[in-house]
Amino acid sequence: AFLLAIFIPFSYFMDRLVWRSQEKRLARTKSGGR
């Protein structure tokens, strides 16, 4: 239970980090700059 209490928020924040970086990458490619 202690491991899950650490794993669940960490997993959410990692998903959020990956999602935001993907969104930034898509925004850069749509604006034409790289």
Full PDB file with SEQRES, HELIX, SHEET, SSBOND, CRYST1, ORIGX, SCALE, CONECT and MASTER records, all heavy atoms in Angstrom:
SEQRES   1 A   34  ALA PHE LEU LEU ALA ILE PHE ILE PRO PHE SER TYR PHE          
SEQRES   2 A   34  MET ASP ARG LEU VAL TRP ARG SER GLN GLU LYS ARG LEU          
SEQRES   3 A   34  ALA ARG THR LYS SER GLY GLY ARG                              
HELIX    1 AA1 PHE A    2  SER A   31  1                                  30    
CRYST1    1.000    1.000    1.000  90.00  90.00  90.00 P 1           1          
ORIGX1      1.000000  0.000000  0.000000        0.00000                         
ORIGX2      0.000000  1.000000  0.000000        0.00000                         
ORIGX3      0.000000  0.000000  1.000000        0.00000                         
SCALE1      1.000000  0.000000  0.000000        0.00000                         
SCALE2      0.000000  1.000000  0.000000        0.00000                         
SCALE3      0.000000  0.000000  1.000000        0.00000                         
ATOM      1  N   ALA A   1       0.839  -1.207   0.000  1.00  0.00           N  
ATOM      2  CA  ALA A   1       0.000   0.000   0.000  1.00  0.00           C  
ATOM      3  C   ALA A   1       0.872   1.254   0.000  1.00  0.00           C  
ATOM      4  O   ALA A   1       0.556   2.236  -0.684  1.00  0.00           O  
ATOM      5  CB  ALA A   1      -0.932  -0.014   1.203  1.00  0.00           C  
ATOM      6  N   PHE A   2       1.961   1.209   0.755  1.00  0.00           N  
ATOM      7  CA  PHE A   2       2.893   2.339   0.764  1.00  0.00           C  
ATOM      8  C   PHE A   2       3.518   2.541  -0.620  1.00  0.00           C  
ATOM      9  O   PHE A   2       3.621   3.669  -1.103  1.00  0.00           O  
ATOM     10  CB  PHE A   2       3.977   2.105   1.827  1.00  0.00           C  
ATOM     11  CG  PHE A   2       5.012   3.186   1.875  1.00  0.00           C  
ATOM     12  CD1 PHE A   2       4.698   4.446   2.370  1.00  0.00           C  
ATOM     13  CD2 PHE A   2       6.292   2.950   1.411  1.00  0.00           C  
ATOM     14  CE1 PHE A   2       5.652   5.452   2.403  1.00  0.00           C  
ATOM     15  CE2 PHE A   2       7.252   3.945   1.435  1.00  0.00           C  
ATOM     16  CZ  PHE A   2       6.937   5.199   1.938  1.00  0.00           C  
ATOM     17  N   LEU A   3       3.920   1.440  -1.262  1.00  0.00           N  
ATOM     18  CA  LEU A   3       4.478   1.543  -2.614  1.00  0.00           C  
ATOM     19  C   LEU A   3       3.454   2.114  -3.599  1.00  0.00           C  
ATOM     20  O   LEU A   3       3.795   2.917  -4.467  1.00  0.00           O  
ATOM     21  CB  LEU A   3       4.949   0.176  -3.088  1.00  0.00           C  
ATOM     22  CG  LEU A   3       6.239  -0.358  -2.464  1.00  0.00           C  
ATOM     23  CD1 LEU A   3       6.461  -1.805  -2.859  1.00  0.00           C  
ATOM     24  CD2 LEU A   3       7.408   0.498  -2.887  1.00  0.00           C  
ATOM     25  N   LEU A   4       2.201   1.686  -3.481  1.00  0.00           N  
ATOM     26  CA  LEU A   4       1.160   2.206  -4.365  1.00  0.00           C  
ATOM     27  C   LEU A   4       0.890   3.684  -4.100  1.00  0.00           C  
ATOM     28  O   LEU A   4       0.585   4.438  -5.026  1.00  0.00           O  
ATOM     29  CB  LEU A   4      -0.122   1.398  -4.207  1.00  0.00           C  
ATOM     30  CG  LEU A   4      -0.100   0.020  -4.854  1.00  0.00           C  
ATOM     31  CD1 LEU A   4      -1.372  -0.744  -4.494  1.00  0.00           C  
ATOM     32  CD2 LEU A   4       0.041   0.124  -6.349  1.00  0.00           C  
ATOM     33  N   ALA A   5       0.994   4.098  -2.838  1.00  0.00           N  
ATOM     34  CA  ALA A   5       0.793   5.513  -2.501  1.00  0.00           C  
ATOM     35  C   ALA A   5       1.859   6.384  -3.159  1.00  0.00           C  
ATOM     36  O   ALA A   5       1.622   7.563  -3.442  1.00  0.00           O  
ATOM     37  CB  ALA A   5       0.814   5.697  -0.988  1.00  0.00           C  
ATOM     38  N   ILE A   6       3.017   5.829  -3.418  1.00  0.00           N  
ATOM     39  CA  ILE A   6       4.067   6.562  -4.121  1.00  0.00           C  
ATOM     40  C   ILE A   6       3.907   6.409  -5.635  1.00  0.00           C  
ATOM     41  O   ILE A   6       4.062   7.365  -6.395  1.00  0.00           O  
ATOM     42  CB  ILE A   6       5.460   6.073  -3.675  1.00  0.00           C  
ATOM     43  CG1 ILE A   6       5.672   6.421  -2.207  1.00  0.00           C  
ATOM     44  CG2 ILE A   6       6.560   6.671  -4.536  1.00  0.00           C  
ATOM     45  CD1 ILE A   6       6.901   5.792  -1.603  1.00  0.00           C  
ATOM     46  N   PHE A   7       3.575   5.194  -6.064  1.00  0.00           N  
ATOM     47  CA  PHE A   7       3.524   4.879  -7.493  1.00  0.00           C  
ATOM     48  C   PHE A   7       2.405   5.619  -8.224  1.00  0.00           C  
ATOM     49  O   PHE A   7       2.613   6.117  -9.335  1.00  0.00           O  
ATOM     50  CB  PHE A   7       3.338   3.361  -7.665  1.00  0.00           C  
ATOM     51  CG  PHE A   7       3.122   2.929  -9.082  1.00  0.00           C  
ATOM     52  CD1 PHE A   7       4.171   2.883  -9.977  1.00  0.00           C  
ATOM     53  CD2 PHE A   7       1.864   2.566  -9.540  1.00  0.00           C  
ATOM     54  CE1 PHE A   7       3.989   2.485 -11.286  1.00  0.00           C  
ATOM     55  CE2 PHE A   7       1.662   2.162 -10.836  1.00  0.00           C  
ATOM     56  CZ  PHE A   7       2.732   2.122 -11.714  1.00  0.00           C  
ATOM     57  N   ILE A   8       1.224   5.702  -7.628  1.00  0.00           N  
ATOM     58  CA  ILE A   8       0.061   6.272  -8.335  1.00  0.00           C  
ATOM     59  C   ILE A   8       0.261   7.753  -8.665  1.00  0.00           C  
ATOM     60  O   ILE A   8       0.113   8.149  -9.824  1.00  0.00           O  
ATOM     61  CB  ILE A   8      -1.237   5.983  -7.562  1.00  0.00           C  
ATOM     62  CG1 ILE A   8      -1.535   4.483  -7.664  1.00  0.00           C  
ATOM     63  CG2 ILE A   8      -2.399   6.810  -8.085  1.00  0.00           C  
ATOM     64  CD1 ILE A   8      -2.713   4.012  -6.838  1.00  0.00           C  
ATOM     65  N   PRO A   9       0.611   8.618  -7.691  1.00  0.00           N  
ATOM     66  CA  PRO A   9       0.835  10.026  -8.079  1.00  0.00           C  
ATOM     67  C   PRO A   9       2.020  10.196  -9.029  1.00  0.00           C  
ATOM     68  O   PRO A   9       1.977  11.008  -9.954  1.00  0.00           O  
ATOM     69  CB  PRO A   9       1.105  10.742  -6.756  1.00  0.00           C  
ATOM     70  CG  PRO A   9       0.627   9.837  -5.703  1.00  0.00           C  
ATOM     71  CD  PRO A   9       0.687   8.456  -6.239  1.00  0.00           C  
ATOM     72  N   PHE A  10       3.087   9.409  -8.808  1.00  0.00           N  
ATOM     73  CA  PHE A  10       4.248   9.491  -9.691  1.00  0.00           C  
ATOM     74  C   PHE A  10       3.864   9.109 -11.117  1.00  0.00           C  
ATOM     75  O   PHE A  10       4.277   9.765 -12.075  1.00  0.00           O  
ATOM     76  CB  PHE A  10       5.360   8.568  -9.167  1.00  0.00           C  
ATOM     77  CG  PHE A  10       6.591   8.594 -10.011  1.00  0.00           C  
ATOM     78  CD1 PHE A  10       7.475   9.660  -9.944  1.00  0.00           C  
ATOM     79  CD2 PHE A  10       6.869   7.554 -10.876  1.00  0.00           C  
ATOM     80  CE1 PHE A  10       8.612   9.682 -10.731  1.00  0.00           C  
ATOM     81  CE2 PHE A  10       8.005   7.574 -11.659  1.00  0.00           C  
ATOM     82  CZ  PHE A  10       8.882   8.637 -11.590  1.00  0.00           C  
ATOM     83  N   SER A  11       3.054   8.086 -11.257  1.00  0.00           N  
ATOM     84  CA  SER A  11       2.605   7.654 -12.574  1.00  0.00           C  
ATOM     85  C   SER A  11       1.754   8.737 -13.243  1.00  0.00           C  
ATOM     86  O   SER A  11       1.891   8.992 -14.442  1.00  0.00           O  
ATOM     87  CB  SER A  11       1.813   6.351 -12.435  1.00  0.00           C  
ATOM     88  OG  SER A  11       1.408   5.878 -13.675  1.00  0.00           O  
ATOM     89  N   TYR A  12       0.876   9.384 -12.468  1.00  0.00           N  
ATOM     90  CA  TYR A  12       0.061  10.465 -13.036  1.00  0.00           C  
ATOM     91  C   TYR A  12       0.936  11.620 -13.513  1.00  0.00           C  
ATOM     92  O   TYR A  12       0.751  12.141 -14.617  1.00  0.00           O  
ATOM     93  CB  TYR A  12      -0.943  10.979 -12.006  1.00  0.00           C  
ATOM     94  CG  TYR A  12      -1.777  12.115 -12.539  1.00  0.00           C  
ATOM     95  CD1 TYR A  12      -2.870  11.876 -13.354  1.00  0.00           C  
ATOM     96  CD2 TYR A  12      -1.456  13.440 -12.252  1.00  0.00           C  
ATOM     97  CE1 TYR A  12      -3.621  12.916 -13.868  1.00  0.00           C  
ATOM     98  CE2 TYR A  12      -2.206  14.483 -12.756  1.00  0.00           C  
ATOM     99  CZ  TYR A  12      -3.292  14.216 -13.560  1.00  0.00           C  
ATOM    100  OH  TYR A  12      -4.031  15.238 -14.067  1.00  0.00           O  
ATOM    101  N   PHE A  13       1.916  12.003 -12.701  1.00  0.00           N  
ATOM    102  CA  PHE A  13       2.766  13.131 -13.080  1.00  0.00           C  
ATOM    103  C   PHE A  13       3.662  12.781 -14.266  1.00  0.00           C  
ATOM    104  O   PHE A  13       3.948  13.637 -15.104  1.00  0.00           O  
ATOM    105  CB  PHE A  13       3.586  13.621 -11.883  1.00  0.00           C  
ATOM    106  CG  PHE A  13       2.730  14.261 -10.832  1.00  0.00           C  
ATOM    107  CD1 PHE A  13       2.721  13.785  -9.538  1.00  0.00           C  
ATOM    108  CD2 PHE A  13       1.906  15.330 -11.133  1.00  0.00           C  
ATOM    109  CE1 PHE A  13       1.916  14.367  -8.574  1.00  0.00           C  
ATOM    110  CE2 PHE A  13       1.100  15.922 -10.182  1.00  0.00           C  
ATOM    111  CZ  PHE A  13       1.109  15.440  -8.888  1.00  0.00           C  
ATOM    112  N   MET A  14       4.073  11.534 -14.383  1.00  0.00           N  
ATOM    113  CA  MET A  14       4.848  11.118 -15.559  1.00  0.00           C  
ATOM    114  C   MET A  14       3.971  11.158 -16.818  1.00  0.00           C  
ATOM    115  O   MET A  14       4.420  11.598 -17.875  1.00  0.00           O  
ATOM    116  CB  MET A  14       5.423   9.720 -15.362  1.00  0.00           C  
ATOM    117  CG  MET A  14       6.574   9.670 -14.378  1.00  0.00           C  
ATOM    118  SD  MET A  14       7.934  10.757 -14.822  1.00  0.00           S  
ATOM    119  CE  MET A  14       8.475  10.030 -16.331  1.00  0.00           C  
ATOM    120  N   ASP A  15       2.719  10.693 -16.693  1.00  0.00           N  
ATOM    121  CA  ASP A  15       1.794  10.776 -17.830  1.00  0.00           C  
ATOM    122  C   ASP A  15       1.585  12.224 -18.254  1.00  0.00           C  
ATOM    123  O   ASP A  15       1.549  12.545 -19.442  1.00  0.00           O  
ATOM    124  CB  ASP A  15       0.447  10.152 -17.472  1.00  0.00           C  
ATOM    125  CG  ASP A  15       0.472   8.642 -17.482  1.00  0.00           C  
ATOM    126  OD1 ASP A  15       1.512   8.066 -17.845  1.00  0.00           O  
ATOM    127  OD2 ASP A  15      -0.558   8.040 -17.123  1.00  0.00           O  
ATOM    128  N   ARG A  16       1.451  13.101 -17.259  1.00  0.00           N  
ATOM    129  CA  ARG A  16       1.241  14.517 -17.548  1.00  0.00           C  
ATOM    130  C   ARG A  16       2.467  15.131 -18.216  1.00  0.00           C  
ATOM    131  O   ARG A  16       2.356  15.922 -19.159  1.00  0.00           O  
ATOM    132  CB  ARG A  16       0.907  15.261 -16.254  1.00  0.00           C  
ATOM    133  CG  ARG A  16       0.397  16.664 -16.503  1.00  0.00           C  
ATOM    134  CD  ARG A  16      -0.128  17.291 -15.270  1.00  0.00           C  
ATOM    135  NE  ARG A  16       0.987  17.645 -14.420  1.00  0.00           N  
ATOM    136  CZ  ARG A  16       0.880  18.354 -13.301  1.00  0.00           C  
ATOM    137  NH1 ARG A  16      -0.311  18.730 -12.891  1.00  0.00           N  
ATOM    138  NH2 ARG A  16       1.917  18.648 -12.591  1.00  0.00           N  
ATOM    139  N   LEU A  17       3.655  14.730 -17.762  1.00  0.00           N  
ATOM    140  CA  LEU A  17       4.890  15.229 -18.362  1.00  0.00           C  
ATOM    141  C   LEU A  17       4.999  14.800 -19.825  1.00  0.00           C  
ATOM    142  O   LEU A  17       5.315  15.611 -20.707  1.00  0.00           O  
ATOM    143  CB  LEU A  17       6.097  14.713 -17.571  1.00  0.00           C  
ATOM    144  CG  LEU A  17       7.454  15.145 -18.083  1.00  0.00           C  
ATOM    145  CD1 LEU A  17       7.847  16.455 -17.432  1.00  0.00           C  
ATOM    146  CD2 LEU A  17       8.475  14.077 -17.796  1.00  0.00           C  
ATOM    147  N   VAL A  18       4.713  13.542 -20.098  1.00  0.00           N  
ATOM    148  CA  VAL A  18       4.772  13.038 -21.469  1.00  0.00           C  
ATOM    149  C   VAL A  18       3.719  13.729 -22.339  1.00  0.00           C  
ATOM    150  O   VAL A  18       3.988  14.115 -23.481  1.00  0.00           O  
ATOM    151  CB  VAL A  18       4.592  11.504 -21.485  1.00  0.00           C  
ATOM    152  CG1 VAL A  18       4.401  10.991 -22.894  1.00  0.00           C  
ATOM    153  CG2 VAL A  18       5.775  10.827 -20.834  1.00  0.00           C  
ATOM    154  N   TRP A  19       2.512  13.897 -21.803  1.00  0.00           N  
ATOM    155  CA  TRP A  19       1.436  14.536 -22.557  1.00  0.00           C  
ATOM    156  C   TRP A  19       1.794  15.979 -22.910  1.00  0.00           C  
ATOM    157  O   TRP A  19       1.615  16.416 -24.045  1.00  0.00           O  
ATOM    158  CB  TRP A  19       0.138  14.487 -21.748  1.00  0.00           C  
ATOM    159  CG  TRP A  19      -0.963  15.288 -22.336  1.00  0.00           C  
ATOM    160  CD1 TRP A  19      -1.475  16.469 -21.886  1.00  0.00           C  
ATOM    161  CD2 TRP A  19      -1.720  14.984 -23.517  1.00  0.00           C  
ATOM    162  NE1 TRP A  19      -2.484  16.914 -22.698  1.00  0.00           N  
ATOM    163  CE2 TRP A  19      -2.657  16.019 -23.703  1.00  0.00           C  
ATOM    164  CE3 TRP A  19      -1.693  13.939 -24.422  1.00  0.00           C  
ATOM    165  CZ2 TRP A  19      -3.543  16.026 -24.759  1.00  0.00           C  
ATOM    166  CZ3 TRP A  19      -2.587  13.967 -25.470  1.00  0.00           C  
ATOM    167  CH2 TRP A  19      -3.489  14.992 -25.629  1.00  0.00           C  
ATOM    168  N   ARG A  20       2.313  16.726 -21.917  1.00  0.00           N  
ATOM    169  CA  ARG A  20       2.659  18.122 -22.179  1.00  0.00           C  
ATOM    170  C   ARG A  20       3.796  18.255 -23.191  1.00  0.00           C  
ATOM    171  O   ARG A  20       3.773  19.138 -24.046  1.00  0.00           O  
ATOM    172  CB  ARG A  20       3.049  18.821 -20.880  1.00  0.00           C  
ATOM    173  CG  ARG A  20       1.868  19.142 -20.001  1.00  0.00           C  
ATOM    174  CD  ARG A  20       2.316  19.880 -18.772  1.00  0.00           C  
ATOM    175  NE  ARG A  20       1.178  20.300 -17.975  1.00  0.00           N  
ATOM    176  CZ  ARG A  20       1.283  20.901 -16.808  1.00  0.00           C  
ATOM    177  NH1 ARG A  20       2.465  21.145 -16.296  1.00  0.00           N  
ATOM    178  NH2 ARG A  20       0.201  21.246 -16.151  1.00  0.00           N  
ATOM    179  N   SER A  21       4.785  17.379 -23.088  1.00  0.00           N  
ATOM    180  CA  SER A  21       5.887  17.455 -24.056  1.00  0.00           C  
ATOM    181  C   SER A  21       5.395  17.116 -25.461  1.00  0.00           C  
ATOM    182  O   SER A  21       5.846  17.725 -26.439  1.00  0.00           O  
ATOM    183  CB  SER A  21       7.027  16.536 -23.646  1.00  0.00           C  
ATOM    184  OG  SER A  21       6.633  15.196 -23.713  1.00  0.00           O  
ATOM    185  N   GLN A  22       4.463  16.174 -25.570  1.00  0.00           N  
ATOM    186  CA  GLN A  22       3.888  15.843 -26.882  1.00  0.00           C  
ATOM    187  C   GLN A  22       3.087  17.023 -27.428  1.00  0.00           C  
ATOM    188  O   GLN A  22       3.170  17.330 -28.623  1.00  0.00           O  
ATOM    189  CB  GLN A  22       2.990  14.604 -26.765  1.00  0.00           C  
ATOM    190  CG  GLN A  22       2.283  14.217 -28.036  1.00  0.00           C  
ATOM    191  CD  GLN A  22       3.217  13.642 -29.079  1.00  0.00           C  
ATOM    192  OE1 GLN A  22       4.350  13.277 -28.789  1.00  0.00           O  
ATOM    193  NE2 GLN A  22       2.753  13.559 -30.297  1.00  0.00           N  
ATOM    194  N   GLU A  23       2.321  17.679 -26.575  1.00  0.00           N  
ATOM    195  CA  GLU A  23       1.546  18.842 -27.008  1.00  0.00           C  
ATOM    196  C   GLU A  23       2.464  19.976 -27.475  1.00  0.00           C  
ATOM    197  O   GLU A  23       2.198  20.631 -28.469  1.00  0.00           O  
ATOM    198  CB  GLU A  23       0.640  19.330 -25.870  1.00  0.00           C  
ATOM    199  CG  GLU A  23      -0.511  18.395 -25.574  1.00  0.00           C  
ATOM    200  CD  GLU A  23      -1.479  18.297 -26.724  1.00  0.00           C  
ATOM    201  OE1 GLU A  23      -1.967  19.336 -27.188  1.00  0.00           O  
ATOM    202  OE2 GLU A  23      -1.737  17.165 -27.169  1.00  0.00           O  
ATOM    203  N   LYS A  24       3.553  20.203 -26.752  1.00  0.00           N  
ATOM    204  CA  LYS A  24       4.505  21.237 -27.161  1.00  0.00           C  
ATOM    205  C   LYS A  24       5.137  20.893 -28.508  1.00  0.00           C  
ATOM    206  O   LYS A  24       5.311  21.756 -29.366  1.00  0.00           O  
ATOM    207  CB  LYS A  24       5.601  21.402 -26.113  1.00  0.00           C  
ATOM    208  CG  LYS A  24       5.144  22.086 -24.852  1.00  0.00           C  
ATOM    209  CD  LYS A  24       6.270  22.178 -23.853  1.00  0.00           C  
ATOM    210  CE  LYS A  24       5.796  22.768 -22.546  1.00  0.00           C  
ATOM    211  NZ  LYS A  24       6.857  22.789 -21.524  1.00  0.00           N  
ATOM    212  N   ARG A  25       5.478  19.615 -28.692  1.00  0.00           N  
ATOM    213  CA  ARG A  25       6.078  19.177 -29.948  1.00  0.00           C  
ATOM    214  C   ARG A  25       5.107  19.363 -31.103  1.00  0.00           C  
ATOM    215  O   ARG A  25       5.478  19.817 -32.184  1.00  0.00           O  
ATOM    216  CB  ARG A  25       6.494  17.711 -29.822  1.00  0.00           C  
ATOM    217  CG  ARG A  25       7.497  17.275 -30.847  1.00  0.00           C  
ATOM    218  CD  ARG A  25       8.006  15.862 -30.613  1.00  0.00           C  
ATOM    219  NE  ARG A  25       8.456  15.637 -29.260  1.00  0.00           N  
ATOM    220  CZ  ARG A  25       7.999  14.673 -28.448  1.00  0.00           C  
ATOM    221  NH1 ARG A  25       7.084  13.845 -28.861  1.00  0.00           N  
ATOM    222  NH2 ARG A  25       8.466  14.548 -27.225  1.00  0.00           N  
ATOM    223  N   LEU A  26       3.831  19.012 -30.884  1.00  0.00           N  
ATOM    224  CA  LEU A  26       2.824  19.202 -31.928  1.00  0.00           C  
ATOM    225  C   LEU A  26       2.607  20.671 -32.256  1.00  0.00           C  
ATOM    226  O   LEU A  26       2.420  21.038 -33.406  1.00  0.00           O  
ATOM    227  CB  LEU A  26       1.503  18.542 -31.523  1.00  0.00           C  
ATOM    228  CG  LEU A  26       1.468  17.019 -31.549  1.00  0.00           C  
ATOM    229  CD1 LEU A  26       0.141  16.514 -30.996  1.00  0.00           C  
ATOM    230  CD2 LEU A  26       1.680  16.518 -32.952  1.00  0.00           C  
ATOM    231  N   ALA A  27       2.613  21.510 -31.212  1.00  0.00           N  
ATOM    232  CA  ALA A  27       2.431  22.948 -31.441  1.00  0.00           C  
ATOM    233  C   ALA A  27       3.593  23.523 -32.243  1.00  0.00           C  
ATOM    234  O   ALA A  27       3.403  24.379 -33.112  1.00  0.00           O  
ATOM    235  CB  ALA A  27       2.297  23.673 -30.105  1.00  0.00           C  
ATOM    236  N   ARG A  28       4.814  23.023 -31.955  1.00  0.00           N  
ATOM    237  CA  ARG A  28       5.967  23.490 -32.712  1.00  0.00           C  
ATOM    238  C   ARG A  28       5.904  23.084 -34.176  1.00  0.00           C  
ATOM    239  O   ARG A  28       6.221  23.874 -35.057  1.00  0.00           O  
ATOM    240  CB  ARG A  28       7.250  22.918 -32.101  1.00  0.00           C  
ATOM    241  CG  ARG A  28       8.055  23.932 -31.344  1.00  0.00           C  
ATOM    242  CD  ARG A  28       9.357  23.370 -30.920  1.00  0.00           C  
ATOM    243  NE  ARG A  28       9.074  22.305 -29.956  1.00  0.00           N  
ATOM    244  CZ  ARG A  28       9.900  21.349 -29.603  1.00  0.00           C  
ATOM    245  NH1 ARG A  28      11.094  21.304 -30.130  1.00  0.00           N  
ATOM    246  NH2 ARG A  28       9.567  20.440 -28.741  1.00  0.00           N  
ATOM    247  N   THR A  29       5.469  21.852 -34.437  1.00  0.00           N  
ATOM    248  CA  THR A  29       5.405  21.402 -35.826  1.00  0.00           C  
ATOM    249  C   THR A  29       4.257  22.074 -36.576  1.00  0.00           C  
ATOM    250  O   THR A  29       4.381  22.324 -37.764  1.00  0.00           O  
ATOM    251  CB  THR A  29       5.240  19.870 -35.916  1.00  0.00           C  
ATOM    252  OG1 THR A  29       4.068  19.477 -35.206  1.00  0.00           O  
ATOM    253  CG2 THR A  29       6.446  19.159 -35.364  1.00  0.00           C  
ATOM    254  N   LYS A  30       3.174  22.404 -35.894  1.00  0.00           N  
ATOM    255  CA  LYS A  30       2.059  23.078 -36.558  1.00  0.00           C  
ATOM    256  C   LYS A  30       2.412  24.520 -36.884  1.00  0.00           C  
ATOM    257  O   LYS A  30       1.976  25.067 -37.891  1.00  0.00           O  
ATOM    258  CB  LYS A  30       0.802  23.040 -35.681  1.00  0.00           C  
ATOM    259  CG  LYS A  30       0.134  21.698 -35.675  1.00  0.00           C  
ATOM    260  CD  LYS A  30      -1.136  21.727 -34.863  1.00  0.00           C  
ATOM    261  CE  LYS A  30      -1.775  20.346 -34.841  1.00  0.00           C  
ATOM    262  NZ  LYS A  30      -2.977  20.336 -34.004  1.00  0.00           N  
ATOM    263  N   SER A  31       3.214  25.159 -36.010  1.00  0.00           N  
ATOM    264  CA  SER A  31       3.588  26.548 -36.275  1.00  0.00           C  
ATOM    265  C   SER A  31       4.695  26.653 -37.325  1.00  0.00           C  
ATOM    266  O   SER A  31       4.974  27.736 -37.798  1.00  0.00           O  
ATOM    267  CB  SER A  31       4.027  27.224 -34.982  1.00  0.00           C  
ATOM    268  OG  SER A  31       5.232  26.630 -34.504  1.00  0.00           O  
ATOM    269  N   GLY A  32       5.293  25.516 -37.668  1.00  0.00           N  
ATOM    270  CA  GLY A  32       6.294  25.514 -38.723  1.00  0.00           C  
ATOM    271  C   GLY A  32       7.712  25.606 -38.221  1.00  0.00           C  
ATOM    272  O   GLY A  32       8.651  25.380 -38.941  1.00  0.00           O  
ATOM    273  N   GLY A  33       7.905  25.945 -36.958  1.00  0.00           N  
ATOM    274  CA  GLY A  33       9.252  26.046 -36.405  1.00  0.00           C  
ATOM    275  C   GLY A  33       9.696  24.735 -35.828  1.00  0.00           C  
ATOM    276  O   GLY A  33       8.916  23.923 -35.376  1.00  0.00           O  
ATOM    277  N   ARG A  34      10.987  24.518 -35.851  1.00  0.00           N  
ATOM    278  CA  ARG A  34      11.485  23.270 -35.286  1.00  0.00           C  
ATOM    279  C   ARG A  34      12.681  23.522 -34.447  1.00  0.00           C  
ATOM    280  O   ARG A  34      13.503  24.294 -34.562  1.00  0.00           O  
ATOM    281  CB  ARG A  34      11.859  22.288 -36.387  1.00  0.00           C  
ATOM    282  CG  ARG A  34      12.027  20.937 -35.749  1.00  0.00           C  
ATOM    283  CD  ARG A  34      11.750  19.836 -36.673  1.00  0.00           C  
ATOM    284  NE  ARG A  34      11.276  18.812 -35.797  1.00  0.00           N  
ATOM    285  CZ  ARG A  34      11.690  17.586 -35.757  1.00  0.00           C  
ATOM    286  NH1 ARG A  34      12.518  17.154 -36.579  1.00  0.00           N  
ATOM    287  NH2 ARG A  34      11.253  16.719 -34.932  1.00  0.00           N  
TER     288      ARG A  34                                                      
MASTER        0    0    0    1    0    0    0    6  287    1    0    3          
END                                                                             
